[in-house]
Amino acid sequence: MLGLPLETQLLCGLAAIAGQMWPVFHQFDGGRANATAWGFQLAADWIGFLIAWIPVVAAAALRITVRPRPKRLLPLANLLSYAVFPAVIWEQEGVTPTVLAGLAALALVIARRLTAGLREDLATGAPAARVIANRALFDRSELQERGLVAIT
């Protein structure tokens, strides 16, 4: 933290998330930044992080115990955790820089989900609304839905 103001620390966390999603040295094609965004949440407000992780833990437990295994539950819970984090802090403290940074992290995650490989999905001829919904909510491409690419 180096004694930097809170706003600077939060901007550094957002830069780490964006850098993991769109790394310069990999032609701006990186990962989904789930772990990076959760690390940002943990550093920003550990209590908010623990509360935000409740949907993720519940989804993981259901994925382990329920048969047949739900395939869309965990990505939806991940997205929900990014939305719960700023909501928890806002409920307790009102609008703070941490709330705004949490909303920005949520926006970055959604932007990455929507843009990663979008051109290939739209080229399949699938309805654009379905492609966008699957990407935003479930982090699934149309190629994954059709079984042409493995779901990782």
N, C-alpha and C. Protein backbone atom coordinates (compact mmCIF):
# COMPACT_ATOMS: atom_id res chain seq x y z
N MET A 1 0.83 -1.19 0.00
CA MET A 1 0.00 0.00 0.00
C MET A 1 0.87 1.25 0.00
N LEU A 2 2.07 1.14 0.50
CA LEU A 2 3.09 2.18 0.39
C LEU A 2 2.65 3.56 0.87
N GLY A 3 1.63 3.62 1.69
CA GLY A 3 1.17 4.90 2.20
C GLY A 3 0.44 5.75 1.18
N LEU A 4 0.02 5.17 0.10
CA LEU A 4 -0.69 5.92 -0.94
C LEU A 4 -2.12 6.18 -0.51
N PRO A 5 -2.74 7.25 -1.03
CA PRO A 5 -4.14 7.49 -0.72
C PRO A 5 -5.04 6.34 -1.21
N LEU A 6 -6.18 6.18 -0.57
CA LEU A 6 -7.10 5.10 -0.91
C LEU A 6 -7.46 5.10 -2.39
N GLU A 7 -7.74 6.27 -2.93
CA GLU A 7 -8.13 6.36 -4.34
C GLU A 7 -7.04 5.83 -5.26
N THR A 8 -5.79 6.12 -4.94
CA THR A 8 -4.67 5.64 -5.74
C THR A 8 -4.54 4.12 -5.63
N GLN A 9 -4.72 3.60 -4.43
CA GLN A 9 -4.67 2.15 -4.23
C GLN A 9 -5.76 1.47 -5.05
N LEU A 10 -6.97 2.02 -5.03
CA LEU A 10 -8.07 1.43 -5.78
C LEU A 10 -7.81 1.49 -7.29
N LEU A 11 -7.27 2.60 -7.76
CA LEU A 11 -6.93 2.71 -9.18
C LEU A 11 -5.85 1.71 -9.58
N CYS A 12 -4.90 1.46 -8.70
CA CYS A 12 -3.88 0.44 -8.97
C CYS A 12 -4.52 -0.94 -9.07
N GLY A 13 -5.48 -1.24 -8.21
CA GLY A 13 -6.20 -2.51 -8.28
C GLY A 13 -6.97 -2.65 -9.57
N LEU A 14 -7.63 -1.59 -9.99
CA LEU A 14 -8.38 -1.62 -11.26
C LEU A 14 -7.42 -1.78 -12.44
N ALA A 15 -6.26 -1.15 -12.35
CA ALA A 15 -5.26 -1.30 -13.41
C ALA A 15 -4.76 -2.75 -13.47
N ALA A 16 -4.61 -3.40 -12.32
CA ALA A 16 -4.19 -4.81 -12.31
C ALA A 16 -5.25 -5.68 -12.96
N ILE A 17 -6.52 -5.41 -12.68
CA ILE A 17 -7.60 -6.18 -13.30
C ILE A 17 -7.58 -5.99 -14.81
N ALA A 18 -7.52 -4.74 -15.25
CA ALA A 18 -7.50 -4.46 -16.69
C ALA A 18 -6.26 -5.04 -17.35
N GLY A 19 -5.13 -4.98 -16.67
CA GLY A 19 -3.90 -5.53 -17.23
C GLY A 19 -3.94 -7.04 -17.36
N GLN A 20 -4.64 -7.71 -16.48
CA GLN A 20 -4.77 -9.16 -16.60
C GLN A 20 -5.72 -9.53 -17.73
N MET A 21 -6.73 -8.70 -17.97
CA MET A 21 -7.70 -8.97 -19.04
C MET A 21 -7.15 -8.63 -20.42
N TRP A 22 -6.46 -7.51 -20.50
CA TRP A 22 -5.96 -7.02 -21.78
C TRP A 22 -4.46 -6.72 -21.69
N PRO A 23 -3.63 -7.76 -21.55
CA PRO A 23 -2.19 -7.53 -21.38
C PRO A 23 -1.54 -7.05 -22.68
N VAL A 24 -0.68 -6.07 -22.57
CA VAL A 24 -0.01 -5.48 -23.72
C VAL A 24 0.84 -6.52 -24.44
N PHE A 25 1.54 -7.36 -23.69
CA PHE A 25 2.49 -8.30 -24.28
C PHE A 25 1.83 -9.56 -24.83
N HIS A 26 0.53 -9.65 -24.77
CA HIS A 26 -0.20 -10.78 -25.36
C HIS A 26 -1.26 -10.29 -26.34
N GLN A 27 -0.93 -9.22 -27.02
CA GLN A 27 -1.81 -8.63 -28.02
C GLN A 27 -3.20 -8.32 -27.45
N PHE A 28 -3.26 -7.88 -26.20
CA PHE A 28 -4.48 -7.47 -25.52
C PHE A 28 -5.51 -8.60 -25.42
N ASP A 29 -5.03 -9.84 -25.35
CA ASP A 29 -5.92 -10.99 -25.20
C ASP A 29 -5.48 -11.79 -23.99
N GLY A 30 -6.09 -11.48 -22.84
CA GLY A 30 -5.71 -12.14 -21.60
C GLY A 30 -6.81 -13.01 -21.05
N GLY A 31 -6.82 -13.11 -19.74
CA GLY A 31 -7.77 -13.97 -19.06
C GLY A 31 -9.03 -13.24 -18.63
N ARG A 32 -9.79 -13.89 -17.80
CA ARG A 32 -11.07 -13.35 -17.34
C ARG A 32 -10.92 -12.53 -16.06
N ALA A 33 -9.78 -12.62 -15.39
CA ALA A 33 -9.44 -11.82 -14.21
C ALA A 33 -10.31 -12.11 -12.99
N ASN A 34 -10.85 -13.30 -12.89
CA ASN A 34 -11.63 -13.63 -11.70
C ASN A 34 -10.77 -13.53 -10.44
N ALA A 35 -9.65 -14.21 -10.43
CA ALA A 35 -8.80 -14.19 -9.24
C ALA A 35 -8.26 -12.79 -8.97
N THR A 36 -7.92 -12.06 -10.01
CA THR A 36 -7.40 -10.71 -9.84
C THR A 36 -8.46 -9.80 -9.24
N ALA A 37 -9.69 -9.90 -9.73
CA ALA A 37 -10.78 -9.07 -9.20
C ALA A 37 -11.10 -9.44 -7.76
N TRP A 38 -11.05 -10.72 -7.43
CA TRP A 38 -11.29 -11.11 -6.05
C TRP A 38 -10.15 -10.66 -5.14
N GLY A 39 -8.93 -10.69 -5.64
CA GLY A 39 -7.81 -10.17 -4.87
C GLY A 39 -7.96 -8.67 -4.64
N PHE A 40 -8.44 -7.96 -5.63
CA PHE A 40 -8.73 -6.53 -5.49
C PHE A 40 -9.77 -6.32 -4.39
N GLN A 41 -10.85 -7.11 -4.41
CA GLN A 41 -11.89 -6.98 -3.40
C GLN A 41 -11.32 -7.26 -2.01
N LEU A 42 -10.53 -8.31 -1.91
CA LEU A 42 -9.95 -8.68 -0.62
C LEU A 42 -9.07 -7.56 -0.08
N ALA A 43 -8.27 -6.94 -0.93
CA ALA A 43 -7.40 -5.85 -0.50
C ALA A 43 -8.19 -4.59 -0.17
N ALA A 44 -9.27 -4.36 -0.89
CA ALA A 44 -10.05 -3.13 -0.71
C ALA A 44 -10.91 -3.19 0.56
N ASP A 45 -11.58 -4.32 0.80
CA ASP A 45 -12.47 -4.45 1.96
C ASP A 45 -12.69 -5.94 2.21
N TRP A 46 -11.98 -6.50 3.17
CA TRP A 46 -12.02 -7.94 3.36
C TRP A 46 -13.38 -8.43 3.85
N ILE A 47 -14.10 -7.64 4.61
CA ILE A 47 -15.43 -8.06 5.06
C ILE A 47 -16.40 -8.09 3.87
N GLY A 48 -16.35 -7.05 3.06
CA GLY A 48 -17.17 -7.02 1.85
C GLY A 48 -16.84 -8.19 0.94
N PHE A 49 -15.55 -8.53 0.84
CA PHE A 49 -15.12 -9.67 0.04
C PHE A 49 -15.73 -10.96 0.56
N LEU A 50 -15.67 -11.19 1.87
CA LEU A 50 -16.21 -12.43 2.44
C LEU A 50 -17.70 -12.55 2.19
N ILE A 51 -18.42 -11.45 2.32
CA ILE A 51 -19.87 -11.48 2.05
C ILE A 51 -20.13 -11.69 0.57
N ALA A 52 -19.35 -11.05 -0.28
CA ALA A 52 -19.52 -11.20 -1.72
C ALA A 52 -19.22 -12.61 -2.19
N TRP A 53 -18.41 -13.33 -1.44
CA TRP A 53 -18.04 -14.68 -1.84
C TRP A 53 -19.09 -15.72 -1.47
N ILE A 54 -20.11 -15.35 -0.74
CA ILE A 54 -21.15 -16.30 -0.35
C ILE A 54 -21.79 -16.97 -1.57
N PRO A 55 -22.17 -16.23 -2.63
CA PRO A 55 -22.74 -16.92 -3.79
C PRO A 55 -21.76 -17.88 -4.46
N VAL A 56 -20.49 -17.55 -4.46
CA VAL A 56 -19.49 -18.42 -5.10
C VAL A 56 -19.34 -19.72 -4.31
N VAL A 57 -19.27 -19.61 -3.00
CA VAL A 57 -19.15 -20.81 -2.16
C VAL A 57 -20.40 -21.67 -2.28
N ALA A 58 -21.58 -21.03 -2.29
CA ALA A 58 -22.83 -21.79 -2.44
C ALA A 58 -22.88 -22.49 -3.79
N ALA A 59 -22.49 -21.81 -4.85
CA ALA A 59 -22.50 -22.41 -6.18
C ALA A 59 -21.51 -23.56 -6.28
N ALA A 60 -20.33 -23.39 -5.69
CA ALA A 60 -19.34 -24.47 -5.70
C ALA A 60 -19.86 -25.68 -4.94
N ALA A 61 -20.51 -25.44 -3.80
CA ALA A 61 -21.07 -26.55 -3.03
C ALA A 61 -22.16 -27.27 -3.82
N LEU A 62 -23.00 -26.52 -4.50
CA LEU A 62 -24.04 -27.14 -5.32
C LEU A 62 -23.45 -27.90 -6.49
N ARG A 63 -22.39 -27.37 -7.06
CA ARG A 63 -21.76 -28.06 -8.19
C ARG A 63 -21.15 -29.39 -7.76
N ILE A 64 -20.70 -29.45 -6.52
CA ILE A 64 -20.11 -30.69 -6.01
C ILE A 64 -21.19 -31.70 -5.61
N THR A 65 -22.29 -31.22 -5.03
CA THR A 65 -23.27 -32.14 -4.43
C THR A 65 -24.44 -32.49 -5.34
N VAL A 66 -24.80 -31.64 -6.27
CA VAL A 66 -25.99 -31.87 -7.09
C VAL A 66 -25.63 -32.67 -8.34
N ARG A 67 -26.47 -33.63 -8.68
CA ARG A 67 -26.31 -34.40 -9.91
C ARG A 67 -27.56 -34.25 -10.73
N PRO A 68 -27.51 -34.01 -12.01
CA PRO A 68 -26.32 -33.71 -12.79
C PRO A 68 -25.74 -32.36 -12.40
N ARG A 69 -24.44 -32.21 -12.59
CA ARG A 69 -23.75 -30.99 -12.18
C ARG A 69 -24.24 -29.78 -12.98
N PRO A 70 -24.63 -28.73 -12.30
CA PRO A 70 -25.03 -27.51 -13.03
C PRO A 70 -23.80 -26.86 -13.66
N LYS A 71 -23.90 -26.52 -14.95
CA LYS A 71 -22.76 -25.96 -15.67
C LYS A 71 -22.76 -24.44 -15.68
N ARG A 72 -23.88 -23.82 -15.48
CA ARG A 72 -23.97 -22.37 -15.59
C ARG A 72 -24.02 -21.66 -14.25
N LEU A 73 -24.09 -22.39 -13.18
CA LEU A 73 -24.28 -21.79 -11.87
C LEU A 73 -23.05 -21.03 -11.37
N LEU A 74 -21.88 -21.61 -11.52
CA LEU A 74 -20.67 -20.98 -11.00
C LEU A 74 -20.33 -19.67 -11.72
N PRO A 75 -20.39 -19.61 -13.06
CA PRO A 75 -20.12 -18.31 -13.70
C PRO A 75 -21.13 -17.23 -13.31
N LEU A 76 -22.37 -17.60 -13.10
CA LEU A 76 -23.38 -16.64 -12.67
C LEU A 76 -23.10 -16.18 -11.24
N ALA A 77 -22.68 -17.11 -10.38
CA ALA A 77 -22.33 -16.75 -9.00
C ALA A 77 -21.10 -15.84 -8.96
N ASN A 78 -20.13 -16.10 -9.85
CA ASN A 78 -18.97 -15.22 -9.94
C ASN A 78 -19.40 -13.80 -10.26
N LEU A 79 -20.26 -13.65 -11.26
CA LEU A 79 -20.75 -12.32 -11.64
C LEU A 79 -21.51 -11.68 -10.48
N LEU A 80 -22.31 -12.47 -9.81
CA LEU A 80 -23.07 -11.96 -8.67
C LEU A 80 -22.14 -11.48 -7.56
N SER A 81 -21.02 -12.17 -7.36
CA SER A 81 -20.08 -11.76 -6.31
C SER A 81 -19.50 -10.38 -6.61
N TYR A 82 -19.28 -10.09 -7.89
CA TYR A 82 -18.77 -8.76 -8.25
C TYR A 82 -19.81 -7.68 -8.02
N ALA A 83 -21.08 -8.02 -8.15
CA ALA A 83 -22.15 -7.05 -7.90
C ALA A 83 -22.44 -6.89 -6.41
N VAL A 84 -22.32 -7.98 -5.65
CA VAL A 84 -22.61 -7.93 -4.22
C VAL A 84 -21.57 -7.09 -3.48
N PHE A 85 -20.31 -7.16 -3.91
CA PHE A 85 -19.24 -6.45 -3.20
C PHE A 85 -19.53 -4.94 -3.04
N PRO A 86 -19.78 -4.18 -4.11
CA PRO A 86 -20.06 -2.76 -3.89
C PRO A 86 -21.38 -2.53 -3.17
N ALA A 87 -22.34 -3.43 -3.37
CA ALA A 87 -23.64 -3.27 -2.72
C ALA A 87 -23.52 -3.38 -1.20
N VAL A 88 -22.69 -4.31 -0.74
CA VAL A 88 -22.49 -4.50 0.70
C VAL A 88 -21.86 -3.26 1.31
N ILE A 89 -20.85 -2.74 0.66
CA ILE A 89 -20.16 -1.57 1.19
C ILE A 89 -21.08 -0.35 1.14
N TRP A 90 -21.81 -0.20 0.04
CA TRP A 90 -22.74 0.92 -0.09
C TRP A 90 -23.80 0.88 1.01
N GLU A 91 -24.30 -0.30 1.32
CA GLU A 91 -25.32 -0.44 2.37
C GLU A 91 -24.79 0.02 3.72
N GLN A 92 -23.53 -0.24 4.01
CA GLN A 92 -22.94 0.09 5.30
C GLN A 92 -22.40 1.52 5.37
N GLU A 93 -21.80 1.99 4.27
CA GLU A 93 -21.08 3.25 4.32
C GLU A 93 -21.57 4.32 3.36
N GLY A 94 -22.51 3.98 2.49
CA GLY A 94 -22.93 4.92 1.47
C GLY A 94 -21.96 4.87 0.30
N VAL A 95 -22.05 5.85 -0.58
CA VAL A 95 -21.19 5.88 -1.75
C VAL A 95 -19.79 6.33 -1.32
N THR A 96 -18.83 5.44 -1.52
CA THR A 96 -17.44 5.71 -1.17
C THR A 96 -16.58 5.40 -2.40
N PRO A 97 -15.32 5.78 -2.37
CA PRO A 97 -14.44 5.39 -3.48
C PRO A 97 -14.36 3.87 -3.68
N THR A 98 -14.46 3.12 -2.61
CA THR A 98 -14.42 1.66 -2.73
C THR A 98 -15.65 1.14 -3.46
N VAL A 99 -16.81 1.72 -3.21
CA VAL A 99 -18.03 1.33 -3.92
C VAL A 99 -17.87 1.63 -5.41
N LEU A 100 -17.39 2.81 -5.73
CA LEU A 100 -17.22 3.18 -7.13
C LEU A 100 -16.19 2.27 -7.82
N ALA A 101 -15.12 1.94 -7.12
CA ALA A 101 -14.11 1.04 -7.68
C ALA A 101 -14.69 -0.37 -7.86
N GLY A 102 -15.53 -0.81 -6.91
CA GLY A 102 -16.18 -2.11 -7.06
C GLY A 102 -17.09 -2.15 -8.26
N LEU A 103 -17.81 -1.07 -8.50
CA LEU A 103 -18.67 -0.98 -9.69
C LEU A 103 -17.82 -0.97 -10.97
N ALA A 104 -16.68 -0.28 -10.92
CA ALA A 104 -15.78 -0.27 -12.07
C ALA A 104 -15.22 -1.66 -12.34
N ALA A 105 -14.89 -2.41 -11.29
CA ALA A 105 -14.41 -3.78 -11.46
C ALA A 105 -15.49 -4.65 -12.09
N LEU A 106 -16.72 -4.49 -11.64
CA LEU A 106 -17.85 -5.22 -12.24
C LEU A 106 -17.97 -4.88 -13.72
N ALA A 107 -17.86 -3.61 -14.05
CA ALA A 107 -17.96 -3.18 -15.45
C ALA A 107 -16.82 -3.79 -16.29
N LEU A 108 -15.62 -3.84 -15.73
CA LEU A 108 -14.50 -4.45 -16.45
C LEU A 108 -14.74 -5.93 -16.70
N VAL A 109 -15.24 -6.63 -15.70
CA VAL A 109 -15.51 -8.07 -15.86
C VAL A 109 -16.57 -8.29 -16.94
N ILE A 110 -17.63 -7.51 -16.91
CA ILE A 110 -18.67 -7.66 -17.93
C ILE A 110 -18.13 -7.31 -19.32
N ALA A 111 -17.34 -6.24 -19.40
CA ALA A 111 -16.76 -5.86 -20.69
C ALA A 111 -15.90 -6.97 -21.26
N ARG A 112 -15.10 -7.61 -20.40
CA ARG A 112 -14.25 -8.71 -20.88
C ARG A 112 -15.08 -9.90 -21.30
N ARG A 113 -16.09 -10.23 -20.54
CA ARG A 113 -16.96 -11.34 -20.91
C ARG A 113 -17.61 -11.10 -22.27
N LEU A 114 -18.02 -9.87 -22.50
CA LEU A 114 -18.72 -9.56 -23.75
C LEU A 114 -17.79 -9.50 -24.95
N THR A 115 -16.56 -9.07 -24.76
CA THR A 115 -15.71 -8.81 -25.92
C THR A 115 -14.77 -9.94 -26.30
N ALA A 116 -14.46 -10.84 -25.41
CA ALA A 116 -13.49 -11.90 -25.71
C ALA A 116 -14.06 -12.88 -26.74
N GLY A 117 -13.57 -12.81 -27.97
CA GLY A 117 -14.01 -13.74 -29.01
C GLY A 117 -15.40 -13.47 -29.54
N LEU A 118 -15.90 -12.27 -29.38
CA LEU A 118 -17.26 -11.94 -29.81
C LEU A 118 -17.42 -12.10 -31.31
N ARG A 119 -16.43 -11.70 -32.08
CA ARG A 119 -16.53 -11.78 -33.54
C ARG A 119 -16.78 -13.22 -33.99
N GLU A 120 -16.07 -14.18 -33.39
CA GLU A 120 -16.26 -15.58 -33.76
C GLU A 120 -17.67 -16.07 -33.41
N ASP A 121 -18.20 -15.62 -32.27
CA ASP A 121 -19.54 -16.03 -31.88
C ASP A 121 -20.60 -15.48 -32.82
N LEU A 122 -20.46 -14.22 -33.19
CA LEU A 122 -21.45 -13.63 -34.09
C LEU A 122 -21.37 -14.24 -35.48
N ALA A 123 -20.18 -14.74 -35.86
CA ALA A 123 -20.01 -15.38 -37.17
C ALA A 123 -20.74 -16.72 -37.25
N THR A 124 -21.15 -17.29 -36.11
CA THR A 124 -21.86 -18.57 -36.14
C THR A 124 -23.29 -18.41 -36.63
N GLY A 125 -23.79 -17.18 -36.66
CA GLY A 125 -25.16 -16.94 -37.09
C GLY A 125 -26.18 -17.03 -35.96
N ALA A 126 -25.72 -17.23 -34.75
CA ALA A 126 -26.62 -17.29 -33.59
C ALA A 126 -27.22 -15.91 -33.35
N PRO A 127 -28.42 -15.86 -32.79
CA PRO A 127 -29.01 -14.55 -32.49
C PRO A 127 -28.11 -13.75 -31.54
N ALA A 128 -27.93 -12.49 -31.88
CA ALA A 128 -27.03 -11.63 -31.11
C ALA A 128 -27.46 -11.54 -29.65
N ALA A 129 -28.76 -11.49 -29.39
CA ALA A 129 -29.24 -11.39 -28.01
C ALA A 129 -28.83 -12.62 -27.20
N ARG A 130 -28.91 -13.79 -27.80
CA ARG A 130 -28.51 -15.01 -27.10
C ARG A 130 -27.01 -15.03 -26.84
N VAL A 131 -26.24 -14.61 -27.84
CA VAL A 131 -24.79 -14.56 -27.69
C VAL A 131 -24.41 -13.63 -26.54
N ILE A 132 -25.00 -12.45 -26.52
CA ILE A 132 -24.68 -11.47 -25.49
C ILE A 132 -25.11 -11.94 -24.11
N ALA A 133 -26.30 -12.51 -24.01
CA ALA A 133 -26.79 -13.01 -22.72
C ALA A 133 -25.89 -14.14 -22.19
N ASN A 134 -25.54 -15.10 -23.06
CA ASN A 134 -24.68 -16.20 -22.63
C ASN A 134 -23.31 -15.70 -22.19
N ARG A 135 -22.79 -14.71 -22.89
CA ARG A 135 -21.48 -14.18 -22.54
C ARG A 135 -21.53 -13.39 -21.24
N ALA A 136 -22.50 -12.49 -21.12
CA ALA A 136 -22.56 -11.61 -19.94
C ALA A 136 -22.90 -12.39 -18.68
N LEU A 137 -23.90 -13.23 -18.74
CA LEU A 137 -24.37 -13.92 -17.54
C LEU A 137 -23.57 -15.17 -17.20
N PHE A 138 -23.26 -15.96 -18.23
CA PHE A 138 -22.69 -17.28 -17.97
C PHE A 138 -21.25 -17.43 -18.45
N ASP A 139 -20.66 -16.38 -19.03
CA ASP A 139 -19.29 -16.41 -19.52
C ASP A 139 -19.08 -17.58 -20.47
N ARG A 140 -20.04 -17.80 -21.34
CA ARG A 140 -19.98 -18.89 -22.31
C ARG A 140 -20.08 -18.33 -23.72
N SER A 141 -19.22 -18.82 -24.60
CA SER A 141 -19.30 -18.43 -26.00
C SER A 141 -20.31 -19.33 -26.71
N GLU A 142 -20.72 -18.91 -27.86
CA GLU A 142 -21.64 -19.72 -28.67
C GLU A 142 -20.96 -21.02 -29.08
N LEU A 143 -19.68 -20.97 -29.33
CA LEU A 143 -18.95 -22.18 -29.70
C LEU A 143 -18.93 -23.18 -28.53
N GLN A 144 -18.85 -22.68 -27.30
CA GLN A 144 -18.92 -23.56 -26.13
C GLN A 144 -20.33 -24.14 -26.00
N GLU A 145 -21.34 -23.31 -26.23
CA GLU A 145 -22.72 -23.78 -26.13
C GLU A 145 -22.99 -24.91 -27.13
N ARG A 146 -22.40 -24.82 -28.28
CA ARG A 146 -22.61 -25.83 -29.33
C ARG A 146 -21.71 -27.04 -29.15
N GLY A 147 -20.81 -27.01 -28.18
CA GLY A 147 -19.93 -28.13 -27.91
C GLY A 147 -18.74 -28.20 -28.85
N LEU A 148 -18.47 -27.13 -29.58
CA LEU A 148 -17.34 -27.12 -30.52
C LEU A 148 -16.03 -26.75 -29.83
N VAL A 149 -16.14 -26.08 -28.68
CA VAL A 149 -14.97 -25.68 -27.89
C VAL A 149 -15.24 -26.12 -26.46
N ALA A 150 -14.24 -26.66 -25.80
CA ALA A 150 -14.42 -27.14 -24.43
C ALA A 150 -14.71 -25.99 -23.47
N ILE A 151 -15.55 -26.26 -22.48
CA ILE A 151 -15.83 -25.30 -21.42
C ILE A 151 -14.78 -25.54 -20.36
N THR A 152 -14.00 -24.49 -20.09
CA THR A 152 -12.92 -24.64 -19.10
C THR A 152 -13.26 -23.96 -17.82
